[in-house]
Amino acid sequence: MKRRNQILIALFSVIVFTGIMVMVIMSLGEPAYKIKIENGTEQGLTIYYDAGRIGSPRSLGTVEPGEYIYTSYFDMADTYCQIDTKDVEGEVIFSKEYDWWELREMDWEVVITLPEN
């Protein structure tokens, strides 16, 4: 009976240790970031953001020229996001999909500019 209890305690200890190690290893992964979206145009823009897993963009709000807004946290599991902007008439003036690696290279900052004609 005593031997059985020792085996159960050892097994329980191994399971707890394994669980702790999994959590530690997972916490060492890439952290989540907020994306800074700056309005580089000369007009107010409504910013829309879709983190890739949601399926439909949601409005972050209206940003005046030279101002910026942050998205919710974006992490590697999201893999990509879509950023769209509309002017005051509701016309889409910017629409682009970004992947995690591209945003990382851009230091998590997107500047919205008008398309060149």
Protein backbone atom coordinates (compact mmCIF):
# COMPACT_ATOMS: atom_id res chain seq x y z
CA MET A 1 0.00 0.00 0.00
CA LYS A 2 2.82 2.37 0.89
CA ARG A 3 4.58 1.64 -2.42
CA ARG A 4 1.37 2.40 -4.34
CA ASN A 5 1.04 5.79 -2.59
CA GLN A 6 4.65 6.63 -3.44
CA ILE A 7 4.03 5.80 -7.11
CA LEU A 8 0.87 7.95 -7.17
CA ILE A 9 2.70 10.88 -5.57
CA ALA A 10 5.56 10.56 -8.06
CA LEU A 11 3.13 10.36 -10.99
CA PHE A 12 1.20 13.39 -9.72
CA SER A 13 4.49 15.33 -9.33
CA VAL A 14 5.53 14.49 -12.90
CA ILE A 15 2.14 15.66 -14.24
CA VAL A 16 2.29 18.94 -12.30
CA PHE A 17 5.91 19.55 -13.36
CA THR A 18 5.06 18.86 -17.00
CA GLY A 19 2.12 21.29 -16.83
CA ILE A 20 4.30 24.02 -15.35
CA MET A 21 6.99 23.48 -18.00
CA VAL A 22 4.43 23.68 -20.82
CA MET A 23 3.16 27.01 -19.46
CA VAL A 24 6.71 28.37 -19.14
CA ILE A 25 7.63 27.32 -22.68
CA MET A 26 4.43 28.80 -24.11
CA SER A 27 5.06 32.11 -22.33
CA LEU A 28 8.43 32.40 -24.08
CA GLY A 29 6.71 32.74 -27.47
CA GLU A 30 6.13 35.99 -29.34
CA PRO A 31 4.08 38.45 -27.33
CA ALA A 32 1.01 40.26 -28.61
CA TYR A 33 1.25 43.82 -29.89
CA LYS A 34 -1.09 46.71 -30.48
CA ILE A 35 -0.87 48.17 -33.98
CA LYS A 36 -0.53 51.95 -34.17
CA ILE A 37 -2.48 53.33 -37.13
CA GLU A 38 -1.65 56.93 -38.02
CA ASN A 39 -3.68 59.15 -40.33
CA GLY A 40 -1.12 60.57 -42.77
CA THR A 41 -3.76 62.26 -44.93
CA GLU A 42 -5.27 65.73 -44.69
CA GLN A 43 -8.79 64.55 -43.87
CA GLY A 44 -10.56 62.73 -41.06
CA LEU A 45 -10.73 58.96 -41.58
CA THR A 46 -12.73 56.17 -40.01
CA ILE A 47 -10.44 53.22 -39.34
CA TYR A 48 -11.69 49.62 -39.64
CA TYR A 49 -9.75 46.64 -38.33
CA ASP A 50 -10.15 42.88 -38.68
CA ALA A 51 -7.68 40.62 -36.87
CA GLY A 52 -8.09 37.80 -39.36
CA ARG A 53 -9.95 35.40 -37.13
CA ILE A 54 -13.01 37.56 -36.62
CA GLY A 55 -14.24 37.64 -40.22
CA SER A 56 -15.66 41.14 -40.35
CA PRO A 57 -13.93 44.46 -39.77
CA ARG A 58 -15.03 46.65 -36.90
CA SER A 59 -14.68 50.40 -36.59
CA LEU A 60 -11.95 51.62 -34.28
CA GLY A 61 -13.12 55.22 -34.60
CA THR A 62 -12.44 58.39 -36.54
CA VAL A 63 -8.89 59.73 -36.62
CA GLU A 64 -8.07 63.31 -37.57
CA PRO A 65 -5.04 64.22 -39.75
CA GLY A 66 -1.74 63.58 -37.99
CA GLU A 67 -3.42 61.65 -35.15
CA TYR A 68 -3.35 57.92 -34.47
CA ILE A 69 -5.31 55.09 -32.89
CA TYR A 70 -4.34 51.66 -31.57
CA THR A 71 -5.93 48.31 -32.40
CA SER A 72 -6.68 45.59 -29.91
CA TYR A 73 -3.82 43.17 -29.29
CA PHE A 74 -2.56 41.28 -32.33
CA ASP A 75 -0.49 38.12 -31.87
CA MET A 76 1.16 35.54 -34.07
CA ALA A 77 -1.86 33.25 -33.86
CA ASP A 78 -3.86 35.87 -35.78
CA THR A 79 -1.39 35.50 -38.72
CA TYR A 80 -2.82 38.49 -40.62
CA CYS A 81 -5.07 41.50 -40.27
CA GLN A 82 -7.01 43.78 -42.59
CA ILE A 83 -6.95 47.57 -42.22
CA ASP A 84 -9.46 49.67 -44.14
CA THR A 85 -10.22 53.38 -43.98
CA LYS A 86 -13.15 55.42 -45.20
CA ASP A 87 -13.41 59.14 -45.72
CA VAL A 88 -16.31 61.29 -44.45
CA GLU A 89 -18.41 60.33 -47.51
CA GLY A 90 -17.96 56.63 -46.68
CA GLU A 91 -15.65 55.92 -49.63
CA VAL A 92 -12.88 53.38 -49.00
CA ILE A 93 -9.59 55.15 -49.58
CA PHE A 94 -7.21 52.59 -48.09
CA SER A 95 -7.46 48.82 -47.80
CA LYS A 96 -4.58 46.49 -47.10
CA GLU A 97 -3.93 43.10 -45.55
CA TYR A 98 -0.83 42.75 -43.37
CA ASP A 99 0.73 39.58 -42.03
CA TRP A 100 2.34 39.25 -38.63
CA TRP A 101 5.91 39.30 -39.97
CA GLU A 102 5.30 42.40 -42.09
CA LEU A 103 3.85 44.28 -39.11
CA ARG A 104 6.79 43.20 -36.99
CA GLU A 105 9.21 44.62 -39.58
CA MET A 106 7.18 47.85 -39.60
CA ASP A 107 7.55 48.07 -35.80
CA TRP A 108 3.76 47.70 -35.43
CA GLU A 109 3.02 51.08 -37.05
CA VAL A 110 0.90 51.72 -40.15
CA VAL A 111 0.64 55.18 -41.70
CA ILE A 112 -2.42 55.72 -43.88
CA THR A 113 -1.73 57.75 -47.02
CA LEU A 114 -3.85 58.54 -50.04
CA PRO A 115 -3.20 56.39 -53.10
CA GLU A 116 -1.16 58.09 -55.79
CA ASN A 117 -2.99 58.66 -59.08
